[in-house]
């Protein structure tokens, strides 16, 4: 049971990081090659961890 709680928490932490970065990127005018790929991977991984936790 505690293993599922860890994955659900990890998914929520990753989702929070993704949301913060999604807001900061346009505000700070961050742009580099591969940024969209990194953001997409972060979104997928957080979604998978959240679904595994349910």
PDB file of N, CA and C in Angstrom:
ATOM      1  N   UNK A   1       0.812  -1.200   0.000  1.00  0.00           N
ATOM      2  CA  UNK A   1       0.000   0.000   0.000  1.00  0.00           C
ATOM      3  C   UNK A   1       0.855   1.264   0.000  1.00  0.00           C
ATOM      4  N   UNK A   2       1.925   1.310   0.773  1.00  0.00           N
ATOM      5  CA  UNK A   2       2.734   2.518   0.853  1.00  0.00           C
ATOM      6  C   UNK A   2       3.453   2.790  -0.464  1.00  0.00           C
ATOM      7  N   UNK A   3       3.678   1.739  -1.261  1.00  0.00           N
ATOM      8  CA  UNK A   3       4.329   1.933  -2.554  1.00  0.00           C
ATOM      9  C   UNK A   3       3.436   2.756  -3.488  1.00  0.00           C
ATOM     10  N   UNK A   4       2.134   2.497  -3.454  1.00  0.00           N
ATOM     11  CA  UNK A   4       1.203   3.262  -4.280  1.00  0.00           C
ATOM     12  C   UNK A   4       1.138   4.715  -3.823  1.00  0.00           C
ATOM     13  N   UNK A   5       1.223   4.938  -2.543  1.00  0.00           N
ATOM     14  CA  UNK A   5       1.191   6.306  -2.027  1.00  0.00           C
ATOM     15  C   UNK A   5       2.409   7.084  -2.512  1.00  0.00           C
ATOM     16  N   UNK A   6       3.568   6.439  -2.548  1.00  0.00           N
ATOM     17  CA  UNK A   6       4.788   7.100  -3.016  1.00  0.00           C
ATOM     18  C   UNK A   6       4.656   7.477  -4.485  1.00  0.00           C
ATOM     19  N   UNK A   7       4.127   6.569  -5.307  1.00  0.00           N
ATOM     20  CA  UNK A   7       4.002   6.885  -6.726  1.00  0.00           C
ATOM     21  C   UNK A   7       2.969   7.977  -6.951  1.00  0.00           C
ATOM     22  N   UNK A   8       1.897   7.989  -6.190  1.00  0.00           N
ATOM     23  CA  UNK A   8       0.892   9.039  -6.346  1.00  0.00           C
ATOM     24  C   UNK A   8       1.481  10.385  -5.929  1.00  0.00           C
ATOM     25  N   UNK A   9       2.224  10.409  -4.830  1.00  0.00           N
ATOM     26  CA  UNK A   9       2.864  11.642  -4.396  1.00  0.00           C
ATOM     27  C   UNK A   9       3.899  12.103  -5.407  1.00  0.00           C
ATOM     28  N   UNK A  10       4.661  11.186  -5.958  1.00  0.00           N
ATOM     29  CA  UNK A  10       5.667  11.544  -6.950  1.00  0.00           C
ATOM     30  C   UNK A  10       5.008  12.125  -8.189  1.00  0.00           C
ATOM     31  N   UNK A  11       3.901  11.535  -8.590  1.00  0.00           N
ATOM     32  CA  UNK A  11       3.172  12.059  -9.734  1.00  0.00           C
ATOM     33  C   UNK A  11       2.675  13.472  -9.491  1.00  0.00           C
ATOM     34  N   UNK A  12       2.168  13.722  -8.302  1.00  0.00           N
ATOM     35  CA  UNK A  12       1.689  15.066  -7.976  1.00  0.00           C
ATOM     36  C   UNK A  12       2.836  16.061  -7.884  1.00  0.00           C
ATOM     37  N   UNK A  13       3.967  15.630  -7.376  1.00  0.00           N
ATOM     38  CA  UNK A  13       5.146  16.506  -7.320  1.00  0.00           C
ATOM     39  C   UNK A  13       5.601  16.856  -8.729  1.00  0.00           C
ATOM     40  N   UNK A  14       5.674  15.854  -9.609  1.00  0.00           N
ATOM     41  CA  UNK A  14       6.071  16.110 -10.988  1.00  0.00           C
ATOM     42  C   UNK A  14       5.061  16.997 -11.701  1.00  0.00           C
ATOM     43  N   UNK A  15       3.776  16.795 -11.422  1.00  0.00           N
ATOM     44  CA  UNK A  15       2.745  17.645 -12.013  1.00  0.00           C
ATOM     45  C   UNK A  15       2.902  19.087 -11.539  1.00  0.00           C
ATOM     46  N   UNK A  16       3.194  19.261 -10.276  1.00  0.00           N
ATOM     47  CA  UNK A  16       3.426  20.603  -9.746  1.00  0.00           C
ATOM     48  C   UNK A  16       4.620  21.274 -10.399  1.00  0.00           C
ATOM     49  N   UNK A  17       5.698  20.518 -10.587  1.00  0.00           N
ATOM     50  CA  UNK A  17       6.877  21.052 -11.267  1.00  0.00           C
ATOM     51  C   UNK A  17       6.534  21.446 -12.695  1.00  0.00           C
ATOM     52  N   UNK A  18       5.767  20.592 -13.383  1.00  0.00           N
ATOM     53  CA  UNK A  18       5.378  20.896 -14.761  1.00  0.00           C
ATOM     54  C   UNK A  18       4.534  22.170 -14.830  1.00  0.00           C
ATOM     55  N   UNK A  19       3.591  22.304 -13.913  1.00  0.00           N
ATOM     56  CA  UNK A  19       2.746  23.496 -13.898  1.00  0.00           C
ATOM     57  C   UNK A  19       3.552  24.765 -13.636  1.00  0.00           C
ATOM     58  N   UNK A  20       4.473  24.703 -12.685  1.00  0.00           N
ATOM     59  CA  UNK A  20       5.310  25.863 -12.377  1.00  0.00           C
ATOM     60  C   UNK A  20       6.172  26.237 -13.571  1.00  0.00           C
ATOM     61  N   UNK A  21       6.805  25.238 -14.192  1.00  0.00           N
ATOM     62  CA  UNK A  21       7.648  25.517 -15.352  1.00  0.00           C
ATOM     63  C   UNK A  21       6.832  26.054 -16.524  1.00  0.00           C
ATOM     64  N   UNK A  22       5.624  25.512 -16.711  1.00  0.00           N
ATOM     65  CA  UNK A  22       4.761  25.987 -17.787  1.00  0.00           C
ATOM     66  C   UNK A  22       4.422  27.467 -17.593  1.00  0.00           C
ATOM     67  N   UNK A  23       4.283  27.889 -16.370  1.00  0.00           N
ATOM     68  CA  UNK A  23       4.026  29.298 -16.097  1.00  0.00           C
ATOM     69  C   UNK A  23       5.256  30.172 -16.193  1.00  0.00           C
ATOM     70  N   UNK A  24       6.407  29.639 -15.778  1.00  0.00           N
ATOM     71  CA  UNK A  24       7.628  30.438 -15.763  1.00  0.00           C
ATOM     72  C   UNK A  24       8.281  30.603 -17.143  1.00  0.00           C
ATOM     73  N   UNK A  25       8.120  29.629 -18.007  1.00  0.00           N
ATOM     74  CA  UNK A  25       8.783  29.661 -19.311  1.00  0.00           C
ATOM     75  C   UNK A  25       8.423  30.921 -20.099  1.00  0.00           C
ATOM     76  N   UNK A  26       7.130  31.248 -20.265  1.00  0.00           N
ATOM     77  CA  UNK A  26       6.835  32.480 -21.015  1.00  0.00           C
ATOM     78  C   UNK A  26       7.178  33.755 -20.237  1.00  0.00           C
ATOM     79  N   UNK A  27       7.064  33.703 -18.912  1.00  0.00           N
ATOM     80  CA  UNK A  27       7.371  34.893 -18.121  1.00  0.00           C
ATOM     81  C   UNK A  27       8.849  35.261 -18.175  1.00  0.00           C
ATOM     82  N   UNK A  28       9.700  34.252 -18.158  1.00  0.00           N
ATOM     83  CA  UNK A  28      11.149  34.488 -18.155  1.00  0.00           C
ATOM     84  C   UNK A  28      11.759  34.397 -19.548  1.00  0.00           C
ATOM     85  N   UNK A  29      10.915  34.195 -20.550  1.00  0.00           N
ATOM     86  CA  UNK A  29      11.359  34.077 -21.949  1.00  0.00           C
ATOM     87  C   UNK A  29      12.425  33.000 -22.109  1.00  0.00           C
ATOM     88  N   UNK A  30      12.210  31.877 -21.443  1.00  0.00           N
ATOM     89  CA  UNK A  30      13.141  30.751 -21.566  1.00  0.00           C
ATOM     90  C   UNK A  30      12.858  30.022 -22.870  1.00  0.00           C
ATOM     91  N   UNK A  31      13.904  29.733 -23.597  1.00  0.00           N
ATOM     92  CA  UNK A  31      13.740  29.001 -24.841  1.00  0.00           C
ATOM     93  C   UNK A  31      15.078  28.371 -25.215  1.00  0.00           C
ATOM     94  N   UNK A  32      15.076  27.084 -25.343  1.00  0.00           N
ATOM     95  CA  UNK A  32      16.256  26.379 -25.824  1.00  0.00           C
ATOM     96  C   UNK A  32      15.803  25.129 -26.545  1.00  0.00           C
ATOM     97  N   UNK A  33      16.689  24.600 -27.332  1.00  0.00           N
ATOM     98  CA  UNK A  33      16.355  23.417 -28.121  1.00  0.00           C
ATOM     99  C   UNK A  33      16.070  22.237 -27.187  1.00  0.00           C
ATOM    100  N   UNK A  34      14.949  21.610 -27.401  1.00  0.00           N
ATOM    101  CA  UNK A  34      14.579  20.459 -26.597  1.00  0.00           C
ATOM    102  C   UNK A  34      13.667  20.781 -25.433  1.00  0.00           C
ATOM    103  N   UNK A  35      13.334  22.048 -25.238  1.00  0.00           N
ATOM    104  CA  UNK A  35      12.476  22.434 -24.119  1.00  0.00           C
ATOM    105  C   UNK A  35      11.093  21.794 -24.228  1.00  0.00           C
ATOM    106  N   UNK A  36      10.513  21.824 -25.414  1.00  0.00           N
ATOM    107  CA  UNK A  36       9.180  21.237 -25.572  1.00  0.00           C
ATOM    108  C   UNK A  36       9.213  19.724 -25.355  1.00  0.00           C
ATOM    109  N   UNK A  37      10.299  19.080 -25.756  1.00  0.00           N
ATOM    110  CA  UNK A  37      10.441  17.644 -25.533  1.00  0.00           C
ATOM    111  C   UNK A  37      10.545  17.333 -24.038  1.00  0.00           C
ATOM    112  N   UNK A  38      11.305  18.103 -23.317  1.00  0.00           N
ATOM    113  CA  UNK A  38      11.455  17.908 -21.874  1.00  0.00           C
ATOM    114  C   UNK A  38      10.114  18.104 -21.170  1.00  0.00           C
ATOM    115  N   UNK A  39       9.378  19.139 -21.568  1.00  0.00           N
ATOM    116  CA  UNK A  39       8.077  19.405 -20.946  1.00  0.00           C
ATOM    117  C   UNK A  39       7.077  18.290 -21.254  1.00  0.00           C
ATOM    118  N   UNK A  40       7.114  17.779 -22.485  1.00  0.00           N
ATOM    119  CA  UNK A  40       6.210  16.685 -22.859  1.00  0.00           C
ATOM    120  C   UNK A  40       6.528  15.420 -22.070  1.00  0.00           C
ATOM    121  N   UNK A  41       7.807  15.098 -21.937  1.00  0.00           N
ATOM    122  CA  UNK A  41       8.208  13.911 -21.175  1.00  0.00           C
ATOM    123  C   UNK A  41       7.813  14.053 -19.708  1.00  0.00           C
ATOM    124  N   UNK A  42       8.017  15.236 -19.146  1.00  0.00           N
ATOM    125  CA  UNK A  42       7.642  15.483 -17.752  1.00  0.00           C
ATOM    126  C   UNK A  42       6.139  15.317 -17.554  1.00  0.00           C
ATOM    127  N   UNK A  43       5.341  15.792 -18.494  1.00  0.00           N
ATOM    128  CA  UNK A  43       3.883  15.649 -18.407  1.00  0.00           C
ATOM    129  C   UNK A  43       3.473  14.183 -18.484  1.00  0.00           C
ATOM    130  N   UNK A  44       4.076  13.430 -19.395  1.00  0.00           N
ATOM    131  CA  UNK A  44       3.737  12.009 -19.546  1.00  0.00           C
ATOM    132  C   UNK A  44       4.118  11.216 -18.306  1.00  0.00           C
ATOM    133  N   UNK A  45       5.313  11.451 -17.798  1.00  0.00           N
ATOM    134  CA  UNK A  45       5.779  10.709 -16.618  1.00  0.00           C
ATOM    135  C   UNK A  45       4.903  11.022 -15.406  1.00  0.00           C
ATOM    136  N   UNK A  46       4.574  12.285 -15.217  1.00  0.00           N
ATOM    137  CA  UNK A  46       3.727  12.624 -14.068  1.00  0.00           C
ATOM    138  C   UNK A  46       2.339  11.999 -14.216  1.00  0.00           C
ATOM    139  N   UNK A  47       1.794  12.001 -15.420  1.00  0.00           N
ATOM    140  CA  UNK A  47       0.497  11.365 -15.652  1.00  0.00           C
ATOM    141  C   UNK A  47       0.521   9.880 -15.378  1.00  0.00           C
ATOM    142  N   UNK A  48       1.576   9.212 -15.798  1.00  0.00           N
ATOM    143  CA  UNK A  48       1.701   7.775 -15.553  1.00  0.00           C
ATOM    144  C   UNK A  48       1.777   7.490 -14.058  1.00  0.00           C
ATOM    145  N   UNK A  49       2.573   8.275 -13.330  1.00  0.00           N
ATOM    146  CA  UNK A  49       2.691   8.050 -11.883  1.00  0.00           C
ATOM    147  C   UNK A  49       1.368   8.314 -11.165  1.00  0.00           C
ATOM    148  N   UNK A  50       0.635   9.324 -11.612  1.00  0.00           N
ATOM    149  CA  UNK A  50      -0.669   9.596 -10.993  1.00  0.00           C
ATOM    150  C   UNK A  50      -1.624   8.451 -11.263  1.00  0.00           C
ATOM    151  N   UNK A  51      -1.650   7.953 -12.488  1.00  0.00           N
ATOM    152  CA  UNK A  51      -2.545   6.830 -12.812  1.00  0.00           C
ATOM    153  C   UNK A  51      -2.153   5.552 -12.089  1.00  0.00           C
ATOM    154  N   UNK A  52      -0.867   5.317 -11.900  1.00  0.00           N
ATOM    155  CA  UNK A  52      -0.424   4.133 -11.165  1.00  0.00           C
ATOM    156  C   UNK A  52      -0.819   4.221  -9.687  1.00  0.00           C
ATOM    157  N   UNK A  53      -0.930   5.421  -9.189  1.00  0.00           N
ATOM    158  CA  UNK A  53      -1.277   5.605  -7.786  1.00  0.00           C
ATOM    159  C   UNK A  53      -2.748   5.385  -7.505  1.00  0.00           C
ATOM    160  N   UNK A  54      -3.576   5.296  -8.544  1.00  0.00           N
ATOM    161  CA  UNK A  54      -5.019   5.126  -8.348  1.00  0.00           C
ATOM    162  C   UNK A  54      -5.425   3.696  -8.418  1.00  0.00           C
TER     163      UNK A  54
END
